Structure formats: C-alpha cells, structure tokens
Amino acid sequence: MLYTNLYDGQQTERDYERSAQTDSASTLPNVKDPEATFASITRQDYMDYMDNFRGFEEKLLGLTNDDSLRQRASADQKKQNEIAMQVQQRNAERYGGAGLSNAQRQEQQKSMQRGGQLGLVNTSNNARVQQRQINNALINELIGIGQGVNQSSMAGLGDASAMASQRAAAYSNAKAQHHSNMVGLGGAIIGAALGI
C-alpha cells in the first residue's frame, strides 16, 4: 500500500486505487454483439445456479414433507416409558410391593401402561403439530424466494421488451427522417436545376 505524501510526487493509497479502477474500466473489451454477450452471461448465470444452488433447493423441497421431529419424539417417549417401568419394577423389588396385593400391583402396571401410551400419543401429536409448522414455514420461505426470482425475471423481461420497442421506434423515426431528408434534398436539387 502506498502512504507517501502527495507533495513528494508520489501516489497516495486513494490515488492508487482510483488509477487501478480507471485502468480496469479502460481494459474492458469492446462488445460487438450485445445480445449474444447478454445471452452468454444469462446462460452462465443459469449454469452457476444449477451447479451451486439447485441441489440445495431440491434438498429443501424434500424437507417440506419431513416427519423426523415426530419420529424422534415418539422414540424419546418410548424410552421414557421404558425407564418409568424399570423404576417401578425396581421399587417393587426393593420394597417388596409395599403391602400391595397382586390385583393392586396389576392395576398399578395397567395404570403405568395407560399413562405411557397417553404420553406417547400426546408427545406424538404435539411433535406432529410442531413439524407441520416447521414444514409450512419452509414452504412459505421457498415460495417467497420463487416469487422474488419470478418478479425480477418479469421486470427484466419488461425492461427488455421496452428497450426493443424503443429501438424499433428509433429505427422507424430514423427511417422517416432519412426519407424526409432525401425528399427535401431531391426537391432542392430539382429547384436548383429549374432555377438555373
């Protein structure tokens, strides 16, 4: 980087950057066919999109039907039910059933199983609702991205259409002006020839 004083006849960093920008702008190639160049740039943008982003978009689209949250919640609840049953069994073995009859112990096991199944259903339903909200949010984001791309594409097409009609109007005006000039020149030549 250049930090020398301008009074010493040397370039400062800012002057150096300006000259570098000017040099890079002046070395741009001349474009002989703007439509072909624009088509090439557009094609390259599309290829970049396909190479860099399309796979990611397809992966996101695949996630809109994801059910992993519910599956994990169900697996976690089953594990919790299993742990609760083991705790109950250990307590019964440790304390000898605490004076409960066989019918009372069976009822306690049934109650534990019912509670476990209700917990599993509740957890699964809550996870399903949460998963649906996550999936819908993802779909909404993807739709927003698609609409943004569509709007910018339509704006570009509208601009291109407007420029094409401006070119056609300019050509038509230039052609009419040329015709008018030729008629005026012919009239002047004939008037000059008759005036001699």
N, C-alpha and C. Protein backbone atom coordinates (compact mmCIF):
# COMPACT_ATOMS: atom_id res chain seq x y z
N MET A 1 0.83 -1.18 0.00
CA MET A 1 0.00 0.00 0.00
C MET A 1 0.88 1.24 0.00
N LEU A 2 0.43 2.24 -0.71
CA LEU A 2 1.20 3.48 -0.80
C LEU A 2 0.68 4.49 0.21
N TYR A 3 1.59 5.01 1.06
CA TYR A 3 1.21 6.00 2.04
C TYR A 3 2.10 7.23 1.95
N THR A 4 2.78 7.40 0.86
CA THR A 4 3.70 8.53 0.75
C THR A 4 2.93 9.81 0.52
N ASN A 5 3.56 10.90 0.75
CA ASN A 5 2.94 12.21 0.67
C ASN A 5 2.72 12.60 -0.79
N LEU A 6 1.61 13.22 -1.06
CA LEU A 6 1.29 13.67 -2.40
C LEU A 6 2.23 14.76 -2.86
N TYR A 7 2.72 15.58 -1.92
CA TYR A 7 3.63 16.68 -2.27
C TYR A 7 4.99 16.18 -2.71
N ASP A 8 5.31 14.94 -2.37
CA ASP A 8 6.60 14.38 -2.77
C ASP A 8 6.53 13.84 -4.19
N GLY A 9 5.38 13.99 -4.83
CA GLY A 9 5.23 13.50 -6.20
C GLY A 9 4.87 12.03 -6.25
N GLN A 10 4.53 11.45 -5.12
CA GLN A 10 4.16 10.04 -5.07
C GLN A 10 2.65 9.90 -4.94
N GLN A 11 2.15 8.74 -5.29
CA GLN A 11 0.72 8.48 -5.19
C GLN A 11 0.35 8.06 -3.77
N THR A 12 -0.80 8.53 -3.30
CA THR A 12 -1.33 8.03 -2.04
C THR A 12 -2.12 6.77 -2.34
N GLU A 13 -2.58 6.09 -1.30
CA GLU A 13 -3.34 4.86 -1.49
C GLU A 13 -4.63 5.13 -2.26
N ARG A 14 -5.32 6.20 -1.96
CA ARG A 14 -6.57 6.54 -2.64
C ARG A 14 -6.32 6.81 -4.12
N ASP A 15 -5.26 7.57 -4.43
CA ASP A 15 -4.93 7.83 -5.83
C ASP A 15 -4.59 6.54 -6.56
N TYR A 16 -3.89 5.64 -5.85
CA TYR A 16 -3.52 4.37 -6.44
C TYR A 16 -4.76 3.54 -6.75
N GLU A 17 -5.73 3.52 -5.83
CA GLU A 17 -6.95 2.76 -6.06
C GLU A 17 -7.75 3.35 -7.20
N ARG A 18 -7.81 4.67 -7.29
CA ARG A 18 -8.55 5.31 -8.39
C ARG A 18 -7.92 4.97 -9.73
N SER A 19 -6.59 5.02 -9.79
CA SER A 19 -5.94 4.70 -11.06
C SER A 19 -6.13 3.23 -11.41
N ALA A 20 -6.16 2.36 -10.39
CA ALA A 20 -6.38 0.94 -10.65
C ALA A 20 -7.79 0.72 -11.18
N GLN A 21 -8.79 1.43 -10.61
CA GLN A 21 -10.16 1.30 -11.09
C GLN A 21 -10.28 1.83 -12.51
N THR A 22 -9.64 2.95 -12.80
CA THR A 22 -9.69 3.52 -14.14
C THR A 22 -9.04 2.57 -15.13
N ASP A 23 -7.89 1.99 -14.74
CA ASP A 23 -7.21 1.06 -15.63
C ASP A 23 -8.08 -0.16 -15.90
N SER A 24 -8.75 -0.69 -14.84
CA SER A 24 -9.56 -1.89 -15.06
C SER A 24 -10.79 -1.56 -15.90
N ALA A 25 -11.34 -0.36 -15.76
CA ALA A 25 -12.51 0.01 -16.58
C ALA A 25 -12.10 0.25 -18.02
N SER A 26 -10.90 0.76 -18.23
CA SER A 26 -10.46 1.05 -19.60
C SER A 26 -10.01 -0.21 -20.32
N THR A 27 -9.76 -1.28 -19.59
CA THR A 27 -9.31 -2.51 -20.24
C THR A 27 -10.46 -3.47 -20.53
N LEU A 28 -11.70 -3.02 -20.30
CA LEU A 28 -12.83 -3.89 -20.64
C LEU A 28 -12.89 -4.07 -22.15
N PRO A 29 -13.24 -5.26 -22.60
CA PRO A 29 -13.28 -5.49 -24.04
C PRO A 29 -14.47 -4.78 -24.69
N ASN A 30 -14.30 -4.44 -25.94
CA ASN A 30 -15.40 -3.89 -26.70
C ASN A 30 -16.37 -5.01 -27.05
N VAL A 31 -17.64 -4.72 -26.93
CA VAL A 31 -18.67 -5.72 -27.21
C VAL A 31 -19.24 -5.44 -28.59
N LYS A 32 -19.08 -6.42 -29.48
CA LYS A 32 -19.56 -6.25 -30.85
C LYS A 32 -21.01 -6.68 -30.99
N ASP A 33 -21.42 -7.70 -30.22
CA ASP A 33 -22.79 -8.22 -30.29
C ASP A 33 -23.37 -8.25 -28.87
N PRO A 34 -24.02 -7.17 -28.44
CA PRO A 34 -24.52 -7.12 -27.06
C PRO A 34 -25.55 -8.21 -26.75
N GLU A 35 -26.37 -8.58 -27.72
CA GLU A 35 -27.38 -9.60 -27.46
C GLU A 35 -26.73 -10.95 -27.20
N ALA A 36 -25.71 -11.30 -27.97
CA ALA A 36 -25.01 -12.56 -27.75
C ALA A 36 -24.26 -12.53 -26.42
N THR A 37 -23.69 -11.39 -26.08
CA THR A 37 -22.99 -11.27 -24.80
C THR A 37 -23.96 -11.42 -23.65
N PHE A 38 -25.11 -10.76 -23.75
CA PHE A 38 -26.12 -10.86 -22.70
C PHE A 38 -26.63 -12.30 -22.60
N ALA A 39 -26.84 -12.96 -23.73
CA ALA A 39 -27.28 -14.36 -23.72
C ALA A 39 -26.23 -15.24 -23.06
N SER A 40 -24.96 -14.98 -23.33
CA SER A 40 -23.88 -15.76 -22.72
C SER A 40 -23.84 -15.56 -21.20
N ILE A 41 -24.00 -14.31 -20.78
CA ILE A 41 -24.00 -14.02 -19.33
C ILE A 41 -25.19 -14.69 -18.66
N THR A 42 -26.36 -14.62 -19.29
CA THR A 42 -27.55 -15.24 -18.73
C THR A 42 -27.39 -16.75 -18.65
N ARG A 43 -26.83 -17.36 -19.69
CA ARG A 43 -26.59 -18.80 -19.71
C ARG A 43 -25.62 -19.19 -18.59
N GLN A 44 -24.55 -18.38 -18.40
CA GLN A 44 -23.59 -18.68 -17.36
C GLN A 44 -24.21 -18.54 -15.97
N ASP A 45 -25.09 -17.53 -15.78
CA ASP A 45 -25.80 -17.38 -14.52
C ASP A 45 -26.65 -18.61 -14.23
N TYR A 46 -27.32 -19.11 -15.25
CA TYR A 46 -28.15 -20.31 -15.09
C TYR A 46 -27.29 -21.52 -14.72
N MET A 47 -26.16 -21.67 -15.40
CA MET A 47 -25.28 -22.80 -15.10
C MET A 47 -24.73 -22.69 -13.67
N ASP A 48 -24.39 -21.48 -13.23
CA ASP A 48 -23.94 -21.28 -11.86
C ASP A 48 -25.03 -21.66 -10.87
N TYR A 49 -26.25 -21.28 -11.18
CA TYR A 49 -27.38 -21.64 -10.32
C TYR A 49 -27.52 -23.15 -10.25
N MET A 50 -27.46 -23.83 -11.40
CA MET A 50 -27.61 -25.28 -11.41
C MET A 50 -26.49 -25.96 -10.63
N ASP A 51 -25.26 -25.46 -10.78
CA ASP A 51 -24.12 -26.07 -10.11
C ASP A 51 -24.09 -25.79 -8.61
N ASN A 52 -24.49 -24.59 -8.21
CA ASN A 52 -24.27 -24.17 -6.83
C ASN A 52 -25.51 -24.20 -5.95
N PHE A 53 -26.69 -24.00 -6.52
CA PHE A 53 -27.87 -23.81 -5.67
C PHE A 53 -28.99 -24.81 -5.90
N ARG A 54 -29.10 -25.40 -7.06
CA ARG A 54 -30.24 -26.26 -7.36
C ARG A 54 -30.31 -27.47 -6.43
N GLY A 55 -29.17 -28.09 -6.16
CA GLY A 55 -29.17 -29.24 -5.25
C GLY A 55 -29.66 -28.87 -3.87
N PHE A 56 -29.25 -27.70 -3.40
CA PHE A 56 -29.69 -27.22 -2.09
C PHE A 56 -31.19 -26.97 -2.08
N GLU A 57 -31.72 -26.36 -3.16
CA GLU A 57 -33.16 -26.13 -3.25
C GLU A 57 -33.93 -27.44 -3.26
N GLU A 58 -33.44 -28.43 -3.99
CA GLU A 58 -34.12 -29.73 -4.03
C GLU A 58 -34.11 -30.39 -2.66
N LYS A 59 -33.00 -30.23 -1.94
CA LYS A 59 -32.92 -30.78 -0.58
C LYS A 59 -33.94 -30.09 0.32
N LEU A 60 -34.07 -28.76 0.20
CA LEU A 60 -35.07 -28.04 0.99
C LEU A 60 -36.48 -28.47 0.62
N LEU A 61 -36.73 -28.67 -0.68
CA LEU A 61 -38.06 -29.14 -1.10
C LEU A 61 -38.36 -30.51 -0.52
N GLY A 62 -37.35 -31.35 -0.43
CA GLY A 62 -37.54 -32.67 0.18
C GLY A 62 -37.86 -32.59 1.67
N LEU A 63 -37.38 -31.54 2.32
CA LEU A 63 -37.63 -31.37 3.75
C LEU A 63 -39.05 -30.88 4.06
N THR A 64 -39.80 -30.47 3.05
CA THR A 64 -41.15 -29.97 3.31
C THR A 64 -42.09 -31.09 3.74
N ASN A 65 -41.73 -32.35 3.51
CA ASN A 65 -42.53 -33.50 3.96
C ASN A 65 -41.83 -34.24 5.09
N ASP A 66 -40.93 -33.57 5.77
CA ASP A 66 -40.15 -34.19 6.84
C ASP A 66 -41.04 -34.60 8.01
N ASP A 67 -40.74 -35.75 8.61
CA ASP A 67 -41.50 -36.26 9.76
C ASP A 67 -40.55 -36.66 10.88
N SER A 68 -39.32 -36.21 10.82
CA SER A 68 -38.30 -36.67 11.76
C SER A 68 -38.56 -36.19 13.19
N LEU A 69 -39.14 -35.00 13.35
CA LEU A 69 -39.41 -34.48 14.70
C LEU A 69 -40.39 -35.39 15.44
N ARG A 70 -41.46 -35.80 14.77
CA ARG A 70 -42.43 -36.70 15.39
C ARG A 70 -41.82 -38.05 15.70
N GLN A 71 -41.01 -38.56 14.77
CA GLN A 71 -40.38 -39.86 14.99
C GLN A 71 -39.42 -39.82 16.18
N ARG A 72 -38.63 -38.73 16.28
CA ARG A 72 -37.72 -38.62 17.42
C ARG A 72 -38.49 -38.48 18.73
N ALA A 73 -39.58 -37.69 18.70
CA ALA A 73 -40.38 -37.50 19.92
C ALA A 73 -40.99 -38.83 20.36
N SER A 74 -41.49 -39.63 19.42
CA SER A 74 -42.06 -40.93 19.76
C SER A 74 -41.00 -41.86 20.34
N ALA A 75 -39.83 -41.86 19.74
CA ALA A 75 -38.75 -42.71 20.24
C ALA A 75 -38.32 -42.27 21.64
N ASP A 76 -38.25 -40.96 21.86
CA ASP A 76 -37.88 -40.46 23.19
C ASP A 76 -38.93 -40.82 24.23
N GLN A 77 -40.21 -40.70 23.87
CA GLN A 77 -41.28 -41.03 24.83
C GLN A 77 -41.28 -42.51 25.14
N LYS A 78 -41.04 -43.37 24.15
CA LYS A 78 -40.97 -44.81 24.40
C LYS A 78 -39.83 -45.13 25.36
N LYS A 79 -38.72 -44.44 25.18
CA LYS A 79 -37.58 -44.65 26.09
C LYS A 79 -37.95 -44.20 27.51
N GLN A 80 -38.66 -43.07 27.63
CA GLN A 80 -39.09 -42.58 28.95
C GLN A 80 -40.07 -43.55 29.59
N ASN A 81 -40.98 -44.12 28.81
CA ASN A 81 -41.93 -45.12 29.33
C ASN A 81 -41.19 -46.34 29.84
N GLU A 82 -40.19 -46.76 29.09
CA GLU A 82 -39.40 -47.92 29.48
C GLU A 82 -38.66 -47.64 30.79
N ILE A 83 -38.09 -46.46 30.92
CA ILE A 83 -37.38 -46.09 32.15
C ILE A 83 -38.35 -46.07 33.34
N ALA A 84 -39.55 -45.51 33.14
CA ALA A 84 -40.54 -45.45 34.22
C ALA A 84 -40.95 -46.86 34.66
N MET A 85 -41.13 -47.77 33.69
CA MET A 85 -41.49 -49.16 34.04
C MET A 85 -40.36 -49.82 34.82
N GLN A 86 -39.12 -49.58 34.43
CA GLN A 86 -37.98 -50.17 35.15
C GLN A 86 -37.88 -49.61 36.57
N VAL A 87 -38.15 -48.32 36.71
CA VAL A 87 -38.12 -47.71 38.05
C VAL A 87 -39.20 -48.35 38.93
N GLN A 88 -40.40 -48.52 38.38
CA GLN A 88 -41.48 -49.13 39.15
C GLN A 88 -41.11 -50.56 39.55
N GLN A 89 -40.54 -51.30 38.62
CA GLN A 89 -40.15 -52.69 38.90
C GLN A 89 -39.08 -52.74 39.98
N ARG A 90 -38.09 -51.86 39.90
CA ARG A 90 -37.03 -51.84 40.92
C ARG A 90 -37.60 -51.48 42.29
N ASN A 91 -38.51 -50.51 42.32
CA ASN A 91 -39.11 -50.12 43.60
C ASN A 91 -39.91 -51.28 44.20
N ALA A 92 -40.64 -52.01 43.35
CA ALA A 92 -41.41 -53.15 43.85
C ALA A 92 -40.47 -54.23 44.40
N GLU A 93 -39.35 -54.47 43.70
CA GLU A 93 -38.38 -55.46 44.16
C GLU A 93 -37.68 -54.99 45.43
N ARG A 94 -37.38 -53.72 45.49
CA ARG A 94 -36.64 -53.17 46.62
C ARG A 94 -37.48 -53.13 47.90
N TYR A 95 -38.74 -52.71 47.75
CA TYR A 95 -39.57 -52.51 48.92
C TYR A 95 -40.63 -53.60 49.09
N GLY A 96 -40.58 -54.61 48.26
CA GLY A 96 -41.47 -55.75 48.42
C GLY A 96 -42.91 -55.46 48.09
N GLY A 97 -43.18 -54.49 47.31
CA GLY A 97 -44.55 -54.19 46.90
C GLY A 97 -45.28 -53.31 47.88
N ALA A 98 -44.66 -52.96 48.98
CA ALA A 98 -45.23 -52.04 49.98
C ALA A 98 -46.62 -52.47 50.43
N GLY A 99 -46.82 -53.79 50.59
CA GLY A 99 -48.09 -54.29 51.10
C GLY A 99 -49.21 -54.31 50.10
N LEU A 100 -48.90 -54.19 48.80
CA LEU A 100 -49.94 -54.20 47.78
C LEU A 100 -50.28 -55.64 47.41
N SER A 101 -51.56 -55.88 47.15
CA SER A 101 -51.98 -57.21 46.70
C SER A 101 -51.61 -57.36 45.23
N ASN A 102 -51.75 -58.61 44.74
CA ASN A 102 -51.46 -58.87 43.32
C ASN A 102 -52.39 -58.05 42.42
N ALA A 103 -53.65 -57.93 42.79
CA ALA A 103 -54.61 -57.17 41.99
C ALA A 103 -54.21 -55.69 41.97
N GLN A 104 -53.73 -55.17 43.09
CA GLN A 104 -53.32 -53.77 43.15
C GLN A 104 -52.05 -53.53 42.31
N ARG A 105 -51.12 -54.49 42.38
CA ARG A 105 -49.90 -54.35 41.55
C ARG A 105 -50.22 -54.43 40.07
N GLN A 106 -51.15 -55.32 39.68
CA GLN A 106 -51.55 -55.40 38.28
C GLN A 106 -52.22 -54.11 37.84
N GLU A 107 -53.06 -53.57 38.70
CA GLU A 107 -53.73 -52.30 38.37
C GLU A 107 -52.72 -51.17 38.25
N GLN A 108 -51.70 -51.22 39.10
CA GLN A 108 -50.64 -50.20 39.03
C GLN A 108 -49.88 -50.31 37.71
N GLN A 109 -49.61 -51.52 37.27
CA GLN A 109 -48.92 -51.72 35.99
C GLN A 109 -49.80 -51.26 34.82
N LYS A 110 -51.10 -51.59 34.88
CA LYS A 110 -52.01 -51.14 33.82
C LYS A 110 -52.06 -49.62 33.77
N SER A 111 -52.13 -49.00 34.95
CA SER A 111 -52.16 -47.54 35.01
C SER A 111 -50.88 -46.95 34.42
N MET A 112 -49.76 -47.57 34.72
CA MET A 112 -48.48 -47.11 34.18
C MET A 112 -48.45 -47.27 32.66
N GLN A 113 -48.97 -48.38 32.16
CA GLN A 113 -49.00 -48.60 30.72
C GLN A 113 -49.93 -47.60 30.04
N ARG A 114 -51.10 -47.36 30.64
CA ARG A 114 -52.03 -46.37 30.09
C ARG A 114 -51.38 -44.99 30.05
N GLY A 115 -50.76 -44.62 31.17
CA GLY A 115 -50.08 -43.32 31.23
C GLY A 115 -48.98 -43.21 30.19
N GLY A 116 -48.26 -44.30 29.99
CA GLY A 116 -47.20 -44.30 28.98
C GLY A 116 -47.75 -44.13 27.58
N GLN A 117 -48.86 -44.84 27.28
CA GLN A 117 -49.46 -44.73 25.95
C GLN A 117 -50.05 -43.35 25.73
N LEU A 118 -50.69 -42.80 26.76
CA LEU A 118 -51.23 -41.44 26.63
C LEU A 118 -50.09 -40.43 26.42
N GLY A 119 -49.00 -40.63 27.15
CA GLY A 119 -47.84 -39.74 26.96
C GLY A 119 -47.28 -39.86 25.56
N LEU A 120 -47.24 -41.08 25.04
CA LEU A 120 -46.73 -41.31 23.68
C LEU A 120 -47.63 -40.62 22.65
N VAL A 121 -48.94 -40.77 22.81
CA VAL A 121 -49.88 -40.15 21.87
C VAL A 121 -49.77 -38.63 21.96
N ASN A 122 -49.73 -38.10 23.18
CA ASN A 122 -49.65 -36.65 23.37
C ASN A 122 -48.36 -36.09 22.78
N THR A 123 -47.25 -36.74 23.06
CA THR A 123 -45.97 -36.29 22.53
C THR A 123 -45.95 -36.35 21.01
N SER A 124 -46.49 -37.44 20.47
CA SER A 124 -46.52 -37.60 19.01
C SER A 124 -47.39 -36.52 18.37
N ASN A 125 -48.54 -36.24 18.95
CA ASN A 125 -49.42 -35.22 18.38
C ASN A 125 -48.79 -33.83 18.46
N ASN A 126 -48.20 -33.50 19.60
CA ASN A 126 -47.54 -32.19 19.73
C ASN A 126 -46.38 -32.05 18.75
N ALA A 127 -45.61 -33.12 18.60
CA ALA A 127 -44.49 -33.08 17.65
C ALA A 127 -44.99 -32.96 16.22
N ARG A 128 -46.12 -33.62 15.92
CA ARG A 128 -46.69 -33.54 14.57
C ARG A 128 -47.12 -32.10 14.26
N VAL A 129 -47.73 -31.43 15.24
CA VAL A 129 -48.15 -30.04 15.05
C VAL A 129 -46.93 -29.14 14.84
N GLN A 130 -45.90 -29.34 15.66
CA GLN A 130 -44.68 -28.55 15.52
C GLN A 130 -44.01 -28.81 14.17
N GLN A 131 -43.98 -30.08 13.74
CA GLN A 131 -43.37 -30.43 12.46
C GLN A 131 -44.12 -29.78 11.31
N ARG A 132 -45.47 -29.77 11.41
CA ARG A 132 -46.27 -29.14 10.37
C ARG A 132 -45.96 -27.64 10.29
N GLN A 133 -45.81 -26.99 11.44
CA GLN A 133 -45.49 -25.56 11.45
C GLN A 133 -44.12 -25.30 10.83
N ILE A 134 -43.15 -26.15 11.15
CA ILE A 134 -41.81 -26.00 10.58
C ILE A 134 -41.86 -26.21 9.07
N ASN A 135 -42.56 -27.24 8.63
CA ASN A 135 -42.65 -27.53 7.19
C ASN A 135 -43.36 -26.41 6.45
N ASN A 136 -44.44 -25.88 7.04
CA ASN A 136 -45.17 -24.78 6.40
C ASN A 136 -44.31 -23.53 6.32
N ALA A 137 -43.54 -23.25 7.36
CA ALA A 137 -42.64 -22.09 7.33
C ALA A 137 -41.61 -22.25 6.22
N LEU A 138 -41.08 -23.46 6.06
CA LEU A 138 -40.11 -23.72 4.99
C LEU A 138 -40.76 -23.53 3.62
N ILE A 139 -41.97 -24.04 3.45
CA ILE A 139 -42.68 -23.87 2.18
C ILE A 139 -42.91 -22.39 1.89
N ASN A 140 -43.31 -21.63 2.92
CA ASN A 140 -43.53 -20.19 2.74
C ASN A 140 -42.25 -19.48 2.32
N GLU A 141 -41.12 -19.86 2.91
CA GLU A 141 -39.84 -19.25 2.52
C GLU A 141 -39.49 -19.59 1.09
N LEU A 142 -39.68 -20.84 0.71
CA LEU A 142 -39.38 -21.24 -0.67
C LEU A 142 -40.29 -20.53 -1.67
N ILE A 143 -41.56 -20.37 -1.31
CA ILE A 143 -42.48 -19.65 -2.19
C ILE A 143 -42.04 -18.19 -2.31
N GLY A 144 -41.63 -17.59 -1.19
CA GLY A 144 -41.16 -16.21 -1.23
C GLY A 144 -39.93 -16.05 -2.12
N ILE A 145 -39.01 -17.00 -2.02
CA ILE A 145 -37.82 -16.96 -2.88
C ILE A 145 -38.23 -17.08 -4.34
N GLY A 146 -39.13 -18.03 -4.63
CA GLY A 146 -39.58 -18.21 -6.01
C GLY A 146 -40.29 -16.99 -6.57
N GLN A 147 -41.11 -16.37 -5.73
CA GLN A 147 -41.81 -15.17 -6.19
C GLN A 147 -40.83 -14.02 -6.44
N GLY A 148 -39.80 -13.92 -5.60
CA GLY A 148 -38.79 -12.89 -5.82
C GLY A 148 -38.04 -13.09 -7.12
N VAL A 149 -37.68 -14.34 -7.39
CA VAL A 149 -37.00 -14.65 -8.65
C VAL A 149 -37.92 -14.37 -9.83
N ASN A 150 -39.19 -14.75 -9.69
CA ASN A 150 -40.16 -14.51 -10.76
C ASN A 150 -40.33 -13.02 -11.01
N GLN A 151 -40.45 -12.23 -9.95
CA GLN A 151 -40.64 -10.79 -10.12
C GLN A 151 -39.44 -10.14 -10.78
N SER A 152 -38.23 -10.54 -10.37
CA SER A 152 -37.05 -9.94 -11.01
C SER A 152 -36.94 -10.39 -12.47
N SER A 153 -37.32 -11.62 -12.76
CA SER A 153 -37.30 -12.10 -14.15
C SER A 153 -38.31 -11.34 -15.00
N MET A 154 -39.51 -11.16 -14.46
CA MET A 154 -40.53 -10.42 -15.20
C MET A 154 -40.12 -8.96 -15.40
N ALA A 155 -39.48 -8.38 -14.39
CA ALA A 155 -39.00 -7.00 -14.54
C ALA A 155 -37.95 -6.93 -15.63
N GLY A 156 -37.04 -7.91 -15.66
CA GLY A 156 -36.04 -7.95 -16.72
C GLY A 156 -36.65 -8.12 -18.09
N LEU A 157 -37.65 -8.99 -18.20
CA LEU A 157 -38.33 -9.17 -19.49
C LEU A 157 -39.07 -7.91 -19.90
N GLY A 158 -39.69 -7.24 -18.92
CA GLY A 158 -40.39 -5.98 -19.22
C GLY A 158 -39.42 -4.93 -19.71
N ASP A 159 -38.25 -4.82 -19.06
CA ASP A 159 -37.23 -3.87 -19.50
C ASP A 159 -36.75 -4.19 -20.90
N ALA A 160 -36.51 -5.48 -21.14
CA ALA A 160 -36.04 -5.89 -22.47
C ALA A 160 -37.08 -5.58 -23.53
N SER A 161 -38.35 -5.81 -23.22
CA SER A 161 -39.43 -5.52 -24.16
C SER A 161 -39.52 -4.02 -24.44
N ALA A 162 -39.41 -3.22 -23.37
CA ALA A 162 -39.47 -1.76 -23.54
C ALA A 162 -38.31 -1.27 -24.39
N MET A 163 -37.11 -1.82 -24.14
CA MET A 163 -35.95 -1.40 -24.93
C MET A 163 -36.09 -1.82 -26.39
N ALA A 164 -36.66 -3.01 -26.63
CA ALA A 164 -36.86 -3.46 -28.01
C ALA A 164 -37.84 -2.55 -28.73
N SER A 165 -38.92 -2.16 -28.04
CA SER A 165 -39.88 -1.26 -28.70
C SER A 165 -39.27 0.13 -28.91
N GLN A 166 -38.42 0.58 -27.99
CA GLN A 166 -37.74 1.87 -28.17
C GLN A 166 -36.80 1.81 -29.38
N ARG A 167 -36.09 0.67 -29.51
CA ARG A 167 -35.20 0.52 -30.66
C ARG A 167 -36.00 0.53 -31.96
N ALA A 168 -37.14 -0.17 -31.96
CA ALA A 168 -37.97 -0.21 -33.17
C ALA A 168 -38.51 1.18 -33.49
N ALA A 169 -38.93 1.92 -32.47
CA ALA A 169 -39.44 3.29 -32.69
C ALA A 169 -38.32 4.19 -33.18
N ALA A 170 -37.12 4.05 -32.60
CA ALA A 170 -35.99 4.88 -33.04
C ALA A 170 -35.62 4.56 -34.49
N TYR A 171 -35.66 3.29 -34.85
CA TYR A 171 -35.37 2.90 -36.24
C TYR A 171 -36.43 3.47 -37.18
N SER A 172 -37.69 3.36 -36.78
CA SER A 172 -38.77 3.89 -37.61
C SER A 172 -38.65 5.41 -37.77
N ASN A 173 -38.32 6.11 -36.69
CA ASN A 173 -38.13 7.56 -36.76
C ASN A 173 -36.94 7.93 -37.64
N ALA A 174 -35.85 7.17 -37.49
CA ALA A 174 -34.66 7.44 -38.30
C ALA A 174 -34.95 7.19 -39.77
N LYS A 175 -35.70 6.15 -40.06
CA LYS A 175 -36.06 5.84 -41.44
C LYS A 175 -36.93 6.95 -42.03
N ALA A 176 -37.92 7.43 -41.26
CA ALA A 176 -38.79 8.51 -41.73
C ALA A 176 -37.99 9.80 -41.92
N GLN A 177 -37.06 10.07 -40.99
CA GLN A 177 -36.22 11.26 -41.11
C GLN A 177 -35.34 11.18 -42.35
N HIS A 178 -34.78 9.99 -42.61
CA HIS A 178 -33.95 9.79 -43.79
C HIS A 178 -34.79 10.02 -45.06
N HIS A 179 -35.98 9.46 -45.09
CA HIS A 179 -36.86 9.65 -46.24
C HIS A 179 -37.18 11.13 -46.44
N SER A 180 -37.48 11.80 -45.34
CA SER A 180 -37.79 13.23 -45.42
C SER A 180 -36.59 14.03 -45.92
N ASN A 181 -35.40 13.67 -45.43
CA ASN A 181 -34.18 14.34 -45.88
C ASN A 181 -33.93 14.11 -47.37
N MET A 182 -34.17 12.87 -47.81
CA MET A 182 -33.96 12.56 -49.23
C MET A 182 -34.96 13.33 -50.11
N VAL A 183 -36.21 13.42 -49.68
CA VAL A 183 -37.22 14.16 -50.43
C VAL A 183 -36.85 15.65 -50.47
N GLY A 184 -36.42 16.18 -49.32
CA GLY A 184 -36.00 17.59 -49.27
C GLY A 184 -34.80 17.85 -50.14
N LEU A 185 -33.83 16.92 -50.12
CA LEU A 185 -32.64 17.07 -50.96
C LEU A 185 -33.02 17.00 -52.45
N GLY A 186 -33.90 16.06 -52.78
CA GLY A 186 -34.35 15.93 -54.18
C GLY A 186 -35.08 17.19 -54.61
N GLY A 187 -35.92 17.72 -53.74
CA GLY A 187 -36.63 18.95 -54.06
C GLY A 187 -35.68 20.12 -54.25
N ALA A 188 -34.65 20.18 -53.41
CA ALA A 188 -33.67 21.27 -53.52
C ALA A 188 -32.89 21.14 -54.82
N ILE A 189 -32.56 19.91 -55.19
CA ILE A 189 -31.79 19.69 -56.44
C ILE A 189 -32.66 20.07 -57.64
N ILE A 190 -33.92 19.66 -57.62
CA ILE A 190 -34.82 20.00 -58.74
C ILE A 190 -35.06 21.51 -58.79
N GLY A 191 -35.24 22.11 -57.62
CA GLY A 191 -35.45 23.58 -57.58
C GLY A 191 -34.22 24.32 -58.07
N ALA A 192 -33.05 23.80 -57.72
CA ALA A 192 -31.82 24.44 -58.17
C ALA A 192 -31.65 24.24 -59.66
N ALA A 193 -32.02 23.06 -60.16
CA ALA A 193 -31.88 22.77 -61.59
C ALA A 193 -32.85 23.64 -62.39
N LEU A 194 -34.04 23.87 -61.91
CA LEU A 194 -35.02 24.69 -62.63
C LEU A 194 -34.70 26.17 -62.50
N GLY A 195 -34.03 26.53 -61.43
CA GLY A 195 -33.70 27.92 -61.22
C GLY A 195 -32.51 28.37 -62.06
N ILE A 196 -31.82 27.51 -62.66
CA ILE A 196 -30.67 27.90 -63.46
C ILE A 196 -31.08 28.45 -64.76
